[in-house]
Protein backbone atom coordinates (compact mmCIF):
# COMPACT_ATOMS: atom_id res chain seq x y z
CA MET A 1 -28.20 21.01 -33.39
CA GLU A 2 -30.81 18.32 -33.90
CA HIS A 3 -31.66 15.91 -31.09
CA ARG A 4 -33.23 12.52 -31.76
CA ARG A 5 -34.76 9.93 -29.49
CA ARG A 6 -33.63 6.32 -29.43
CA ARG A 7 -35.52 3.54 -27.68
CA HIS A 8 -33.81 1.03 -25.40
CA ALA A 9 -34.77 -2.62 -25.47
CA ALA A 10 -36.53 -2.15 -22.16
CA GLY A 11 -38.78 0.48 -23.71
CA SER A 12 -37.38 3.62 -22.11
CA THR A 13 -36.13 6.50 -24.23
CA ILE A 14 -33.01 8.60 -24.00
CA GLU A 15 -31.96 11.70 -25.84
CA ARG A 16 -28.94 11.53 -28.11
CA SER A 17 -27.18 14.56 -29.50
CA ASP A 18 -26.03 14.06 -33.07
CA PHE A 19 -22.92 16.09 -32.47
CA MET A 20 -20.97 13.73 -34.70
CA ASP A 21 -23.11 14.85 -37.65
CA ASP A 22 -21.60 18.32 -37.34
CA PHE A 23 -18.31 16.96 -38.64
CA GLY A 24 -19.97 16.92 -42.07
CA PRO A 25 -17.97 14.75 -44.49
CA ILE A 26 -15.89 13.27 -41.65
CA SER A 27 -17.45 9.94 -40.82
CA ARG A 28 -18.10 8.85 -37.26
CA ARG A 29 -15.95 5.74 -37.43
CA PRO A 30 -12.58 7.44 -38.20
CA VAL A 31 -13.24 10.12 -35.56
CA LEU A 32 -14.10 7.57 -32.87
CA ALA A 33 -11.21 5.40 -33.95
CA GLY A 34 -8.87 8.36 -33.58
CA ILE A 35 -10.18 9.13 -30.10
CA GLY A 36 -9.83 5.50 -29.10
CA ALA A 37 -6.34 5.24 -30.55
CA ALA A 38 -5.23 8.35 -28.66
CA ALA A 39 -6.53 6.94 -25.39
CA LEU A 40 -5.05 3.52 -26.06
CA GLY A 41 -1.76 5.11 -26.99
CA VAL A 42 -1.40 6.40 -23.44
CA PHE A 43 -1.45 2.85 -22.12
CA LEU A 44 0.75 1.41 -24.88
CA ASP A 45 3.38 4.14 -24.67
CA PRO A 46 6.42 2.39 -23.18
CA THR A 47 7.52 5.59 -21.44
CA TRP A 48 4.17 6.17 -19.73
CA GLY A 49 4.02 5.18 -16.07
CA ARG A 50 7.78 4.70 -15.87
CA PRO A 51 9.01 5.85 -12.44
CA GLN A 52 11.56 8.63 -12.21
CA ALA A 53 14.79 7.64 -10.51
CA LEU A 54 15.89 9.35 -7.31
CA ASP A 55 18.66 11.86 -7.97
CA ARG A 56 19.88 12.02 -4.37
CA PRO A 57 19.67 9.80 -1.30
CA PRO A 58 16.76 10.35 1.11
CA LYS A 59 17.63 11.59 4.58
CA VAL A 60 15.24 9.20 6.33
CA LEU A 61 13.89 5.78 5.36
CA ALA A 62 10.46 4.90 6.77
CA PHE A 63 9.51 1.21 6.70
CA ASP A 64 6.12 -0.39 6.76
CA VAL A 65 6.18 -3.52 8.94
CA ALA A 66 3.58 -6.21 8.13
CA GLU A 67 4.62 -8.11 4.98
CA THR A 68 7.31 -5.52 4.27
CA LEU A 69 9.64 -6.56 7.09
CA LEU A 70 7.72 -9.34 8.86
CA ASP A 71 6.21 -12.40 7.21
CA LEU A 72 2.43 -12.70 7.68
CA GLN A 73 2.32 -15.98 5.80
CA VAL A 74 3.56 -17.88 8.85
CA MET A 75 0.03 -17.34 10.19
CA ARG A 76 -1.43 -19.69 7.59
CA PRO A 77 -1.64 -22.63 10.04
CA LEU A 78 -3.84 -20.54 12.36
CA PHE A 79 -6.25 -19.72 9.52
CA GLN A 80 -6.07 -23.29 8.27
CA ARG A 81 -7.21 -24.48 11.70
CA ILE A 82 -10.03 -21.95 11.97
CA PHE A 83 -11.29 -21.81 8.39
CA GLY A 84 -9.85 -24.93 6.79
CA ASN A 85 -7.95 -22.67 4.37
CA GLY A 86 -4.69 -20.96 5.26
CA ALA A 87 -5.08 -18.48 2.39
CA VAL A 88 -7.82 -16.71 4.37
CA VAL A 89 -4.98 -14.87 6.14
CA ASP A 90 -4.69 -12.73 2.98
CA ASP A 91 -8.43 -11.98 3.08
CA TRP A 92 -8.16 -11.06 6.75
CA PHE A 93 -5.25 -8.68 6.21
CA GLY A 94 -6.78 -7.08 3.11
CA GLU A 95 -10.15 -6.55 4.81
CA THR A 96 -8.50 -5.10 7.92
CA ILE A 97 -6.68 -2.57 5.75
CA LEU A 98 -9.87 -1.82 3.81
CA TYR A 99 -11.84 -1.04 6.96
CA SER A 100 -9.04 0.98 8.51
CA GLU A 101 -9.12 3.15 5.38
CA SER A 102 -12.92 3.30 5.59
CA ALA A 103 -12.63 4.55 9.17
CA THR A 104 -10.22 7.27 8.11
CA LEU A 105 -12.35 8.38 5.16
CA THR A 106 -15.38 8.71 7.44
CA ASN A 107 -13.41 10.53 10.18
CA THR A 108 -14.00 7.60 12.51
CA PHE A 109 -11.22 6.16 14.64
CA VAL A 110 -11.14 2.58 15.89
CA PRO A 111 -7.96 1.06 17.38
CA PHE A 112 -6.26 -1.17 14.85
CA GLY A 113 -6.30 -4.20 17.12
CA GLN A 114 -10.06 -3.94 17.49
CA LEU A 115 -10.44 -3.69 13.72
CA GLY A 116 -8.37 -6.83 13.21
CA ALA A 117 -10.39 -8.77 15.77
CA GLY A 118 -13.65 -7.49 14.29
CA VAL A 119 -12.63 -8.54 10.79
CA LEU A 120 -11.74 -12.03 12.06
CA ARG A 121 -15.23 -12.35 13.55
CA MET A 122 -16.78 -10.97 10.34
CA LEU A 123 -14.96 -13.58 8.27
CA GLY A 124 -16.22 -16.20 10.70
CA HIS A 125 -19.80 -15.14 9.94
CA ILE A 126 -19.09 -15.15 6.21
CA HIS A 127 -17.64 -18.66 6.30
CA ASN A 128 -20.12 -19.88 8.93
CA VAL A 129 -17.28 -20.65 11.33
CA PRO A 130 -17.53 -19.79 15.06
CA ILE A 131 -14.75 -17.50 16.29
CA SER A 132 -13.88 -17.87 19.96
CA GLU A 133 -12.10 -15.43 22.23
CA ALA A 134 -9.24 -17.93 22.25
CA ASP A 135 -9.02 -17.56 18.46
CA VAL A 136 -8.81 -13.79 18.78
CA ALA A 137 -6.14 -14.10 21.47
CA GLU A 138 -4.14 -16.49 19.28
CA LEU A 139 -4.34 -14.00 16.41
CA GLY A 140 -2.85 -11.30 18.62
CA LYS A 141 -0.12 -13.62 19.88
CA SER A 142 0.79 -14.65 16.33
CA LEU A 143 1.04 -11.03 15.21
CA ALA A 144 3.39 -10.27 18.09
CA THR A 145 5.85 -13.00 17.08
CA LEU A 146 6.08 -12.72 13.30
CA PRO A 147 9.51 -13.58 11.89
CA PRO A 148 11.37 -11.31 9.47
CA HIS A 149 11.54 -12.10 5.78
CA PRO A 150 14.94 -13.71 5.01
CA ASP A 151 16.18 -10.66 3.08
CA VAL A 152 15.43 -8.18 5.86
CA PRO A 153 18.08 -8.45 8.65
CA ASP A 154 21.15 -8.18 6.42
CA SER A 155 19.59 -5.43 4.27
CA LEU A 156 18.77 -3.30 7.31
CA LEU A 157 22.29 -3.76 8.64
CA LYS A 158 23.79 -2.62 5.33
CA LEU A 159 21.49 0.41 5.12
CA LYS A 160 22.36 1.44 8.66
CA SER A 161 26.07 0.94 8.00
CA ALA A 162 25.70 3.17 4.93
CA GLY A 163 24.53 5.97 7.21
CA TYR A 164 20.80 5.91 6.62
CA ARG A 165 18.48 7.01 9.39
CA MET A 166 15.64 4.49 9.62
CA VAL A 167 12.23 4.47 11.30
CA THR A 168 9.05 2.42 11.01
CA LEU A 169 5.55 3.63 10.22
CA THR A 170 2.71 1.20 10.82
CA ASP A 171 -1.02 1.26 11.39
CA ALA A 172 -0.57 -0.91 14.48
CA PRO A 173 -0.14 0.78 17.86
CA ALA A 174 3.37 1.68 18.94
CA THR A 175 4.68 -0.26 21.94
CA SER A 176 7.33 0.74 24.44
CA ASP A 177 9.18 -2.58 23.98
CA ARG A 178 9.12 -2.23 20.15
CA GLY A 179 6.82 -5.24 20.00
CA PRO A 180 7.07 -7.61 17.03
CA LEU A 181 10.21 -5.94 15.66
CA GLN A 182 12.06 -6.46 18.93
CA ALA A 183 10.86 -10.07 19.04
CA ALA A 184 12.15 -10.50 15.49
CA GLY A 185 15.55 -9.07 16.44
CA LEU A 186 15.10 -5.93 14.36
CA GLY A 187 14.24 -3.31 16.99
CA ASP A 188 17.72 -1.81 17.26
CA ALA A 189 17.91 -1.05 13.55
CA PHE A 190 15.51 1.89 13.90
CA GLU A 191 15.68 5.30 15.55
CA GLN A 192 11.97 5.55 16.21
CA HIS A 193 8.73 3.65 15.68
CA PHE A 194 5.70 5.61 14.51
CA SER A 195 2.06 4.57 14.58
CA ALA A 196 -0.73 6.00 12.46
CA GLU A 197 -2.86 5.77 15.59
CA THR A 198 -1.00 8.84 16.90
CA VAL A 199 -2.82 11.07 14.41
CA ARG A 200 -5.92 8.84 14.50
CA ARG A 201 -5.82 8.44 10.74
CA TYR A 202 -4.57 5.32 9.02
CA LYS A 203 -2.33 5.02 6.00
CA PRO A 204 -2.47 6.04 3.21
CA ALA A 205 -3.75 9.32 4.71
CA ARG A 206 -1.17 12.03 4.12
CA GLU A 207 -1.17 13.04 7.80
CA THR A 208 0.64 9.81 8.71
CA TYR A 209 3.63 10.47 6.45
CA LEU A 210 3.79 14.16 7.31
CA MET A 211 3.80 13.22 11.01
CA VAL A 212 6.97 11.20 10.48
CA ALA A 213 8.70 13.88 8.41
CA LYS A 214 7.94 16.54 11.02
CA ALA A 215 9.09 14.38 13.93
CA MET A 216 12.35 13.54 12.14
CA GLY A 217 13.00 17.18 11.23
CA VAL A 218 13.03 16.65 7.46
CA GLU A 219 10.97 17.79 4.51
CA PRO A 220 8.50 15.23 3.09
CA SER A 221 10.65 15.07 -0.07
CA GLU A 222 13.56 13.92 2.10
CA LEU A 223 11.59 10.95 3.45
CA CYS A 224 11.42 7.67 1.52
CA MET A 225 8.64 5.22 2.37
CA ILE A 226 9.51 1.56 1.83
CA ALA A 227 6.66 -0.95 1.68
CA ALA A 228 5.37 -4.08 -0.01
CA HIS A 229 1.97 -2.43 -0.52
CA PRO A 230 1.29 -0.17 -3.54
CA TRP A 231 -1.63 1.47 -1.67
CA ASP A 232 0.78 2.59 1.08
CA LEU A 233 3.17 4.13 -1.44
CA ILE A 234 0.34 5.91 -3.26
CA GLY A 235 -0.24 7.77 -0.01
CA ALA A 236 3.45 8.49 0.52
CA ARG A 237 3.92 9.87 -2.99
CA ALA A 238 0.77 12.00 -2.69
CA ALA A 239 2.20 13.44 0.55
CA GLY A 240 5.36 14.49 -1.27
CA CYS A 241 7.62 11.64 -0.17
CA SER A 242 9.64 9.32 -2.35
CA ALA A 243 8.89 5.60 -2.29
CA ALA A 244 10.35 2.15 -2.83
CA LEU A 245 8.23 -0.91 -3.54
CA ILE A 246 9.29 -4.41 -2.51
CA GLU A 247 7.57 -6.66 -5.03
CA ARG A 248 7.04 -9.66 -2.79
CA ALA A 249 4.97 -12.62 -4.01
CA GLY A 250 1.78 -11.31 -5.62
CA VAL A 251 2.87 -7.66 -5.47
CA VAL A 252 3.36 -5.49 -8.56
CA PRO A 253 3.08 -1.71 -9.11
CA LEU A 254 -0.37 -0.27 -9.81
CA ILE A 255 0.12 1.75 -13.00
CA VAL A 256 -2.84 4.08 -13.46
CA PRO A 257 -2.90 7.64 -14.85
CA GLY A 258 -2.71 10.17 -12.04
CA LEU A 259 -1.01 7.87 -9.52
CA LYS A 260 2.65 8.65 -8.91
CA GLN A 261 4.88 5.59 -9.09
CA PRO A 262 7.56 4.54 -6.59
CA GLU A 263 10.98 5.67 -7.75
CA ILE A 264 12.57 2.35 -6.75
CA SER A 265 11.24 -1.17 -7.01
CA GLY A 266 12.73 -4.61 -6.57
CA ALA A 267 11.79 -8.19 -5.78
CA THR A 268 13.55 -8.07 -2.42
CA LEU A 269 14.73 -5.57 0.15
CA THR A 270 18.23 -6.64 -0.86
CA GLU A 271 17.70 -5.04 -4.27
CA ILE A 272 16.14 -1.91 -2.78
CA ALA A 273 19.01 -1.54 -0.31
CA ALA A 274 21.63 -1.92 -3.03
CA GLU A 275 20.11 0.91 -5.04
CA LEU A 276 19.79 3.17 -1.99
CA ILE A 277 23.40 2.50 -0.98
CA GLN A 278 24.55 3.25 -4.50
CA LEU A 279 22.84 6.64 -4.21
CA LYS A 280 24.93 7.33 -1.11
CA HIS A 281 28.09 6.75 -3.12
CA ALA A 282 27.01 8.57 -6.26
């Protein structure tokens, strides 16, 4: 098969194989169009990426905490004071998650609280804003007193009344007094509180979800992870668990080939709970 050389604008040369010439009378354009149409068809197929419904109720529900149950947006005044922009709270949370995942991927463990404080200082450098120890202390205090989203208390009560066993799984360290959840009046809704710090690997590492399943005496397929973070549920599904996505403001499923979708999704925990309770009665 003949090879020709083609010159780039910069003057370098690359080799190109004229494999398309081997199709003889078949022109390049229809062949490439067919390939492109096939690939595009995957994305345009209305059935592609559609989650499969759960056919039986999970034995254990595992809840993420920050933004899933507790409202981080109440911290906007703190970030408004420090940075002059309350929306920086979203940057802070996203970067803290990013670097926790980076630590796990590099087999490095740093306590989650230290990561959060470090990211706050890093953002200070980026925005040319001094971060004091008082600012770091206020961040920790704010995280310890986050209120629940309005849809959470009643939904948890209904799920518990329906007979569901419920636990939490968070990257933050577990505390003997149940910490923010107890302060928010939600601590008694859960059997146990699990921290990814126990296995020294942060979500979405599969070890975190398998730790919960093992401790609760169930198979991974019998554990359903509930979160407002698609990245968290990607990990849960890859570990063999089912998943439910709460599509809070700015949250939608990430539909990409190869990523398993959550079986349940809804705008509020109220909607998620209704579907899970219906499974109990099916």
